[in-house]
Every structure is written in C-alpha cells, then in structure tokens.
Amino acid sequence: MAQHLQLRAPHEALGLETPITRYHPSHRSFPGHLPDIAYWPGDAVRKVDSDGFISFKNRSLRIGKAFRRQAGRLARYRWPMASST
C-alpha cells in the first residue's frame, strides 16, 4: 500500500508530477556475471565476512554489510604533501 502511494502521489520535487510518470526502464542490460577483478601482485586482498568485517594485521575492521562476501584490496593512501609556498 505504501509503495503504491509513493509511486502515484504527487511529489513537490517533480513539479507535483507523480514518480510513476517519470519512470522508464534502463536501456542498459545488467550482466548475469561480472568479471573477476584483477589485483596487483602483493596487494592485500581480504574478503568481507557475513557481518561486514575484514581482518587485517590481527585487527577486525568494519567495512559494512553492503560488501558482504565481496573481496577488496587494501591500499595505503599517501596524503599529498603540503606545498611550502
């Protein structure tokens, strides 16, 4: 019921048009399987567990449940040096 109202109720941000009048399906197709990601040799690659955490250097780091069961590369970020001018 709530979803029905959200699609058919006028919305101020749409000039009081309904969201359903603005909807159109994407022309791009979504592939059934995404290719594996290639990592550089020596990269620290970790898989996020079902609770959204990874383990790195004996520490548990929260990555987020949105990334469950996904692999990711850990990289050291080097902040740009401040200019001395």
Foldseek 3Di string as FASTA:
>chain_A
DVVVCQQCFQDVVVVRHGNVVVDDDDPDDDDPDDDDDDDDPPWDKFFQACQQWTADPNDIDHRDNVRHRHIDTDDDDDDDDDDPD
